[in-house]
Amino acid sequence: MSDRPPLFFYTRHAADMLVERKIEAAWVERTVTQPDSLEPDPKRPGVMRAFCATPERDGRILRVAYVLSDDTVRV
């Protein structure tokens, strides 16, 4: 990613999951920009999976699948 912060776009599914699972967008964005680990999705070419411990949830690991295009992150 470049020096400027990326623009995040949430699909309808991602937005629904944030509400259903009570996940804050800030946690998702932190996971993508500062992951503890990162790997390509094994079944979807071009999709990355970022993992990060979430202190707000007792250190549980948040997994975020996303596609990076220029400076836009589609979650």
PDB file of N, CA and C in Angstrom:
ATOM      1  N   MET A   1       0.844  -1.176   0.000  1.00  0.00           N
ATOM      2  CA  MET A   1       0.000   0.000   0.000  1.00  0.00           C
ATOM      3  C   MET A   1       0.890   1.241   0.000  1.00  0.00           C
ATOM      4  N   SER A   2       0.350   2.319  -0.511  1.00  0.00           N
ATOM      5  CA  SER A   2       1.124   3.556  -0.563  1.00  0.00           C
ATOM      6  C   SER A   2       1.141   4.230   0.807  1.00  0.00           C
ATOM      7  N   ASP A   3       1.752   5.408   0.851  1.00  0.00           N
ATOM      8  CA  ASP A   3       1.850   6.143   2.114  1.00  0.00           C
ATOM      9  C   ASP A   3       0.512   6.715   2.569  1.00  0.00           C
ATOM     10  N   ARG A   4      -0.375   6.968   1.645  1.00  0.00           N
ATOM     11  CA  ARG A   4      -1.677   7.508   2.061  1.00  0.00           C
ATOM     12  C   ARG A   4      -2.607   6.364   2.435  1.00  0.00           C
ATOM     13  N   PRO A   5      -3.542   6.624   3.344  1.00  0.00           N
ATOM     14  CA  PRO A   5      -4.428   5.541   3.797  1.00  0.00           C
ATOM     15  C   PRO A   5      -5.330   5.068   2.651  1.00  0.00           C
ATOM     16  N   PRO A   6      -5.586   3.770   2.585  1.00  0.00           N
ATOM     17  CA  PRO A   6      -6.449   3.252   1.520  1.00  0.00           C
ATOM     18  C   PRO A   6      -7.913   3.614   1.764  1.00  0.00           C
ATOM     19  N   LEU A   7      -8.676   3.621   0.697  1.00  0.00           N
ATOM     20  CA  LEU A   7     -10.121   3.826   0.773  1.00  0.00           C
ATOM     21  C   LEU A   7     -10.762   2.453   0.914  1.00  0.00           C
ATOM     22  N   PHE A   8     -11.578   2.264   1.934  1.00  0.00           N
ATOM     23  CA  PHE A   8     -12.223   0.975   2.176  1.00  0.00           C
ATOM     24  C   PHE A   8     -13.626   0.971   1.602  1.00  0.00           C
ATOM     25  N   PHE A   9     -13.962  -0.085   0.892  1.00  0.00           N
ATOM     26  CA  PHE A   9     -15.293  -0.309   0.343  1.00  0.00           C
ATOM     27  C   PHE A   9     -15.786  -1.641   0.893  1.00  0.00           C
ATOM     28  N   TYR A  10     -16.970  -1.628   1.493  1.00  0.00           N
ATOM     29  CA  TYR A  10     -17.530  -2.844   2.078  1.00  0.00           C
ATOM     30  C   TYR A  10     -18.654  -3.374   1.202  1.00  0.00           C
ATOM     31  N   THR A  11     -18.541  -4.638   0.803  1.00  0.00           N
ATOM     32  CA  THR A  11     -19.627  -5.266   0.053  1.00  0.00           C
ATOM     33  C   THR A  11     -20.838  -5.391   0.977  1.00  0.00           C
ATOM     34  N   ARG A  12     -21.964  -5.678   0.402  1.00  0.00           N
ATOM     35  CA  ARG A  12     -23.180  -5.853   1.220  1.00  0.00           C
ATOM     36  C   ARG A  12     -22.969  -6.982   2.233  1.00  0.00           C
ATOM     37  N   HIS A  13     -22.352  -8.075   1.786  1.00  0.00           N
ATOM     38  CA  HIS A  13     -22.106  -9.204   2.687  1.00  0.00           C
ATOM     39  C   HIS A  13     -21.213  -8.772   3.855  1.00  0.00           C
ATOM     40  N   ALA A  14     -20.134  -8.062   3.547  1.00  0.00           N
ATOM     41  CA  ALA A  14     -19.224  -7.624   4.615  1.00  0.00           C
ATOM     42  C   ALA A  14     -19.939  -6.700   5.585  1.00  0.00           C
ATOM     43  N   ALA A  15     -20.696  -5.757   5.060  1.00  0.00           N
ATOM     44  CA  ALA A  15     -21.435  -4.821   5.923  1.00  0.00           C
ATOM     45  C   ALA A  15     -22.422  -5.574   6.813  1.00  0.00           C
ATOM     46  N   ASP A  16     -23.101  -6.564   6.241  1.00  0.00           N
ATOM     47  CA  ASP A  16     -24.047  -7.368   7.034  1.00  0.00           C
ATOM     48  C   ASP A  16     -23.323  -8.125   8.145  1.00  0.00           C
ATOM     49  N   MET A  17     -22.143  -8.673   7.844  1.00  0.00           N
ATOM     50  CA  MET A  17     -21.381  -9.423   8.844  1.00  0.00           C
ATOM     51  C   MET A  17     -20.888  -8.515   9.974  1.00  0.00           C
ATOM     52  N   LEU A  18     -20.519  -7.270   9.644  1.00  0.00           N
ATOM     53  CA  LEU A  18     -20.105  -6.333  10.696  1.00  0.00           C
ATOM     54  C   LEU A  18     -21.232  -6.130  11.695  1.00  0.00           C
ATOM     55  N   VAL A  19     -22.426  -5.943  11.180  1.00  0.00           N
ATOM     56  CA  VAL A  19     -23.576  -5.722  12.062  1.00  0.00           C
ATOM     57  C   VAL A  19     -23.908  -6.996  12.840  1.00  0.00           C
ATOM     58  N   GLU A  20     -24.019  -8.107  12.125  1.00  0.00           N
ATOM     59  CA  GLU A  20     -24.407  -9.372  12.758  1.00  0.00           C
ATOM     60  C   GLU A  20     -23.429  -9.811  13.837  1.00  0.00           C
ATOM     61  N   ARG A  21     -22.131  -9.617  13.587  1.00  0.00           N
ATOM     62  CA  ARG A  21     -21.104 -10.088  14.513  1.00  0.00           C
ATOM     63  C   ARG A  21     -20.567  -9.002  15.446  1.00  0.00           C
ATOM     64  N   LYS A  22     -21.158  -7.809  15.332  1.00  0.00           N
ATOM     65  CA  LYS A  22     -20.771  -6.672  16.180  1.00  0.00           C
ATOM     66  C   LYS A  22     -19.271  -6.380  16.053  1.00  0.00           C
ATOM     67  N   ILE A  23     -18.827  -6.284  14.814  1.00  0.00           N
ATOM     68  CA  ILE A  23     -17.434  -5.972  14.496  1.00  0.00           C
ATOM     69  C   ILE A  23     -17.372  -4.526  14.038  1.00  0.00           C
ATOM     70  N   GLU A  24     -16.443  -3.775  14.574  1.00  0.00           N
ATOM     71  CA  GLU A  24     -16.305  -2.372  14.183  1.00  0.00           C
ATOM     72  C   GLU A  24     -15.429  -2.254  12.939  1.00  0.00           C
ATOM     73  N   ALA A  25     -15.794  -1.322  12.067  1.00  0.00           N
ATOM     74  CA  ALA A  25     -15.029  -1.099  10.832  1.00  0.00           C
ATOM     75  C   ALA A  25     -13.570  -0.767  11.150  1.00  0.00           C
ATOM     76  N   ALA A  26     -13.328  -0.076  12.238  1.00  0.00           N
ATOM     77  CA  ALA A  26     -11.955   0.282  12.621  1.00  0.00           C
ATOM     78  C   ALA A  26     -11.112  -0.972  12.860  1.00  0.00           C
ATOM     79  N   TRP A  27     -11.710  -2.029  13.382  1.00  0.00           N
ATOM     80  CA  TRP A  27     -10.981  -3.269  13.616  1.00  0.00           C
ATOM     81  C   TRP A  27     -10.608  -3.913  12.277  1.00  0.00           C
ATOM     82  N   VAL A  28     -11.549  -3.874  11.337  1.00  0.00           N
ATOM     83  CA  VAL A  28     -11.310  -4.432  10.003  1.00  0.00           C
ATOM     84  C   VAL A  28     -10.174  -3.674   9.335  1.00  0.00           C
ATOM     85  N   GLU A  29     -10.241  -2.358   9.385  1.00  0.00           N
ATOM     86  CA  GLU A  29      -9.238  -1.524   8.736  1.00  0.00           C
ATOM     87  C   GLU A  29      -7.864  -1.705   9.383  1.00  0.00           C
ATOM     88  N   ARG A  30      -7.828  -1.852  10.692  1.00  0.00           N
ATOM     89  CA  ARG A  30      -6.562  -2.113  11.384  1.00  0.00           C
ATOM     90  C   ARG A  30      -6.001  -3.474  10.968  1.00  0.00           C
ATOM     91  N   THR A  31      -6.873  -4.468  10.833  1.00  0.00           N
ATOM     92  CA  THR A  31      -6.446  -5.800  10.432  1.00  0.00           C
ATOM     93  C   THR A  31      -5.814  -5.789   9.043  1.00  0.00           C
ATOM     94  N   VAL A  32      -6.396  -5.029   8.131  1.00  0.00           N
ATOM     95  CA  VAL A  32      -5.862  -4.965   6.767  1.00  0.00           C
ATOM     96  C   VAL A  32      -4.565  -4.158   6.717  1.00  0.00           C
ATOM     97  N   THR A  33      -4.517  -3.046   7.429  1.00  0.00           N
ATOM     98  CA  THR A  33      -3.346  -2.167   7.332  1.00  0.00           C
ATOM     99  C   THR A  33      -2.195  -2.583   8.245  1.00  0.00           C
ATOM    100  N   GLN A  34      -2.497  -3.332   9.329  1.00  0.00           N
ATOM    101  CA  GLN A  34      -1.464  -3.761  10.270  1.00  0.00           C
ATOM    102  C   GLN A  34      -1.679  -5.225  10.671  1.00  0.00           C
ATOM    103  N   PRO A  35      -1.686  -6.134   9.706  1.00  0.00           N
ATOM    104  CA  PRO A  35      -1.995  -7.539  10.037  1.00  0.00           C
ATOM    105  C   PRO A  35      -0.895  -8.206  10.856  1.00  0.00           C
ATOM    106  N   ASP A  36      -1.300  -9.149  11.692  1.00  0.00           N
ATOM    107  CA  ASP A  36      -0.334 -10.007  12.381  1.00  0.00           C
ATOM    108  C   ASP A  36       0.214 -11.028  11.391  1.00  0.00           C
ATOM    109  N   SER A  37      -0.647 -11.462  10.467  1.00  0.00           N
ATOM    110  CA  SER A  37      -0.209 -12.349   9.390  1.00  0.00           C
ATOM    111  C   SER A  37      -1.099 -12.120   8.172  1.00  0.00           C
ATOM    112  N   LEU A  38      -0.576 -12.526   7.025  1.00  0.00           N
ATOM    113  CA  LEU A  38      -1.235 -12.281   5.748  1.00  0.00           C
ATOM    114  C   LEU A  38      -0.981 -13.480   4.850  1.00  0.00           C
ATOM    115  N   GLU A  39      -2.031 -13.914   4.135  1.00  0.00           N
ATOM    116  CA  GLU A  39      -1.868 -15.040   3.216  1.00  0.00           C
ATOM    117  C   GLU A  39      -2.858 -14.915   2.071  1.00  0.00           C
ATOM    118  N   PRO A  40      -2.531 -15.472   0.914  1.00  0.00           N
ATOM    119  CA  PRO A  40      -3.502 -15.475  -0.182  1.00  0.00           C
ATOM    120  C   PRO A  40      -4.622 -16.457   0.129  1.00  0.00           C
ATOM    121  N   ASP A  41      -5.824 -16.131  -0.315  1.00  0.00           N
ATOM    122  CA  ASP A  41      -6.942 -17.050  -0.141  1.00  0.00           C
ATOM    123  C   ASP A  41      -6.686 -18.259  -1.035  1.00  0.00           C
ATOM    124  N   PRO A  42      -6.747 -19.467  -0.496  1.00  0.00           N
ATOM    125  CA  PRO A  42      -6.400 -20.650  -1.287  1.00  0.00           C
ATOM    126  C   PRO A  42      -7.393 -20.974  -2.407  1.00  0.00           C
ATOM    127  N   LYS A  43      -8.609 -20.452  -2.327  1.00  0.00           N
ATOM    128  CA  LYS A  43      -9.629 -20.806  -3.322  1.00  0.00           C
ATOM    129  C   LYS A  43     -10.014 -19.656  -4.240  1.00  0.00           C
ATOM    130  N   ARG A  44      -9.626 -18.422  -3.881  1.00  0.00           N
ATOM    131  CA  ARG A  44     -10.032 -17.267  -4.693  1.00  0.00           C
ATOM    132  C   ARG A  44      -8.803 -16.456  -5.092  1.00  0.00           C
ATOM    133  N   PRO A  45      -8.355 -16.603  -6.332  1.00  0.00           N
ATOM    134  CA  PRO A  45      -7.182 -15.854  -6.799  1.00  0.00           C
ATOM    135  C   PRO A  45      -7.404 -14.350  -6.669  1.00  0.00           C
ATOM    136  N   GLY A  46      -6.397 -13.641  -6.215  1.00  0.00           N
ATOM    137  CA  GLY A  46      -6.481 -12.198  -6.073  1.00  0.00           C
ATOM    138  C   GLY A  46      -7.015 -11.725  -4.733  1.00  0.00           C
ATOM    139  N   VAL A  47      -7.536 -12.667  -3.937  1.00  0.00           N
ATOM    140  CA  VAL A  47      -8.082 -12.321  -2.622  1.00  0.00           C
ATOM    141  C   VAL A  47      -7.022 -12.619  -1.566  1.00  0.00           C
ATOM    142  N   MET A  48      -6.807 -11.663  -0.680  1.00  0.00           N
ATOM    143  CA  MET A  48      -5.869 -11.841   0.427  1.00  0.00           C
ATOM    144  C   MET A  48      -6.666 -12.014   1.718  1.00  0.00           C
ATOM    145  N   ARG A  49      -6.055 -12.703   2.663  1.00  0.00           N
ATOM    146  CA  ARG A  49      -6.659 -12.858   3.993  1.00  0.00           C
ATOM    147  C   ARG A  49      -5.689 -12.294   5.017  1.00  0.00           C
ATOM    148  N   ALA A  50      -6.177 -11.342   5.789  1.00  0.00           N
ATOM    149  CA  ALA A  50      -5.385 -10.720   6.850  1.00  0.00           C
ATOM    150  C   ALA A  50      -5.923 -11.195   8.190  1.00  0.00           C
ATOM    151  N   PHE A  51      -5.009 -11.414   9.131  1.00  0.00           N
ATOM    152  CA  PHE A  51      -5.371 -11.884  10.469  1.00  0.00           C
ATOM    153  C   PHE A  51      -4.764 -10.943  11.498  1.00  0.00           C
ATOM    154  N   CYS A  52      -5.546 -10.634  12.540  1.00  0.00           N
ATOM    155  CA  CYS A  52      -5.033  -9.742  13.584  1.00  0.00           C
ATOM    156  C   CYS A  52      -5.770 -10.018  14.897  1.00  0.00           C
ATOM    157  N   ALA A  53      -5.008 -10.053  15.977  1.00  0.00           N
ATOM    158  CA  ALA A  53      -5.619 -10.178  17.304  1.00  0.00           C
ATOM    159  C   ALA A  53      -6.375  -8.884  17.597  1.00  0.00           C
ATOM    160  N   THR A  54      -7.561  -9.021  18.170  1.00  0.00           N
ATOM    161  CA  THR A  54      -8.416  -7.877  18.446  1.00  0.00           C
ATOM    162  C   THR A  54      -8.524  -7.687  19.956  1.00  0.00           C
ATOM    163  N   PRO A  55      -7.791  -6.689  20.513  1.00  0.00           N
ATOM    164  CA  PRO A  55      -7.826  -6.482  21.962  1.00  0.00           C
ATOM    165  C   PRO A  55      -9.232  -6.194  22.494  1.00  0.00           C
ATOM    166  N   GLU A  56     -10.051  -5.560  21.671  1.00  0.00           N
ATOM    167  CA  GLU A  56     -11.421  -5.225  22.091  1.00  0.00           C
ATOM    168  C   GLU A  56     -12.288  -6.468  22.252  1.00  0.00           C
ATOM    169  N   ARG A  57     -11.813  -7.588  21.751  1.00  0.00           N
ATOM    170  CA  ARG A  57     -12.516  -8.868  21.864  1.00  0.00           C
ATOM    171  C   ARG A  57     -11.646  -9.907  22.547  1.00  0.00           C
ATOM    172  N   ASP A  58     -10.942  -9.492  23.594  1.00  0.00           N
ATOM    173  CA  ASP A  58     -10.106 -10.394  24.395  1.00  0.00           C
ATOM    174  C   ASP A  58      -9.042 -11.115  23.562  1.00  0.00           C
ATOM    175  N   GLY A  59      -8.533 -10.438  22.530  1.00  0.00           N
ATOM    176  CA  GLY A  59      -7.451 -10.991  21.732  1.00  0.00           C
ATOM    177  C   GLY A  59      -7.871 -12.000  20.685  1.00  0.00           C
ATOM    178  N   ARG A  60      -9.191 -12.170  20.489  1.00  0.00           N
ATOM    179  CA  ARG A  60      -9.644 -13.095  19.449  1.00  0.00           C
ATOM    180  C   ARG A  60      -9.103 -12.643  18.102  1.00  0.00           C
ATOM    181  N   ILE A  61      -8.875 -13.596  17.209  1.00  0.00           N
ATOM    182  CA  ILE A  61      -8.302 -13.301  15.902  1.00  0.00           C
ATOM    183  C   ILE A  61      -9.412 -12.946  14.913  1.00  0.00           C
ATOM    184  N   LEU A  62      -9.258 -11.791  14.287  1.00  0.00           N
ATOM    185  CA  LEU A  62     -10.182 -11.359  13.243  1.00  0.00           C
ATOM    186  C   LEU A  62      -9.549 -11.698  11.897  1.00  0.00           C
ATOM    187  N   ARG A  63     -10.307 -12.346  11.033  1.00  0.00           N
ATOM    188  CA  ARG A  63      -9.852 -12.662   9.677  1.00  0.00           C
ATOM    189  C   ARG A  63     -10.645 -11.789   8.716  1.00  0.00           C
ATOM    190  N   VAL A  64      -9.936 -11.107   7.835  1.00  0.00           N
ATOM    191  CA  VAL A  64     -10.570 -10.242   6.852  1.00  0.00           C
ATOM    192  C   VAL A  64     -10.110 -10.666   5.464  1.00  0.00           C
ATOM    193  N   ALA A  65     -11.056 -10.996   4.607  1.00  0.00           N
ATOM    194  CA  ALA A  65     -10.759 -11.301   3.203  1.00  0.00           C
ATOM    195  C   ALA A  65     -10.975 -10.019   2.416  1.00  0.00           C
ATOM    196  N   TYR A  66      -9.991  -9.687   1.577  1.00  0.00           N
ATOM    197  CA  TYR A  66     -10.103  -8.430   0.835  1.00  0.00           C
ATOM    198  C   TYR A  66      -9.358  -8.502  -0.487  1.00  0.00           C
ATOM    199  N   VAL A  67      -9.696  -7.547  -1.363  1.00  0.00           N
ATOM    200  CA  VAL A  67      -9.019  -7.374  -2.642  1.00  0.00           C
ATOM    201  C   VAL A  67      -8.480  -5.955  -2.661  1.00  0.00           C
ATOM    202  N   LEU A  68      -7.208  -5.819  -3.004  1.00  0.00           N
ATOM    203  CA  LEU A  68      -6.570  -4.519  -3.083  1.00  0.00           C
ATOM    204  C   LEU A  68      -6.447  -4.123  -4.540  1.00  0.00           C
ATOM    205  N   SER A  69      -6.942  -2.930  -4.869  1.00  0.00           N
ATOM    206  CA  SER A  69      -6.848  -2.403  -6.220  1.00  0.00           C
ATOM    207  C   SER A  69      -6.435  -0.947  -6.114  1.00  0.00           C
ATOM    208  N   ASP A  70      -5.232  -0.631  -6.594  1.00  0.00           N
ATOM    209  CA  ASP A  70      -4.655   0.709  -6.412  1.00  0.00           C
ATOM    210  C   ASP A  70      -4.653   1.018  -4.920  1.00  0.00           C
ATOM    211  N   ASP A  71      -5.361   2.054  -4.495  1.00  0.00           N
ATOM    212  CA  ASP A  71      -5.442   2.401  -3.078  1.00  0.00           C
ATOM    213  C   ASP A  71      -6.829   2.151  -2.515  1.00  0.00           C
ATOM    214  N   THR A  72      -7.549   1.187  -3.101  1.00  0.00           N
ATOM    215  CA  THR A  72      -8.887   0.838  -2.643  1.00  0.00           C
ATOM    216  C   THR A  72      -8.877  -0.604  -2.141  1.00  0.00           C
ATOM    217  N   VAL A  73      -9.462  -0.796  -0.977  1.00  0.00           N
ATOM    218  CA  VAL A  73      -9.579  -2.129  -0.381  1.00  0.00           C
ATOM    219  C   VAL A  73     -11.053  -2.502  -0.395  1.00  0.00           C
ATOM    220  N   ARG A  74     -11.372  -3.602  -1.099  1.00  0.00           N
ATOM    221  CA  ARG A  74     -12.749  -4.104  -1.113  1.00  0.00           C
ATOM    222  C   ARG A  74     -12.808  -5.280  -0.156  1.00  0.00           C
ATOM    223  N   VAL A  75     -13.611  -5.127   0.886  1.00  0.00           N
ATOM    224  CA  VAL A  75     -13.766  -6.138   1.928  1.00  0.00           C
ATOM    225  C   VAL A  75     -15.016  -6.945   1.638  1.00  0.00           C
TER     226      VAL A  75
END
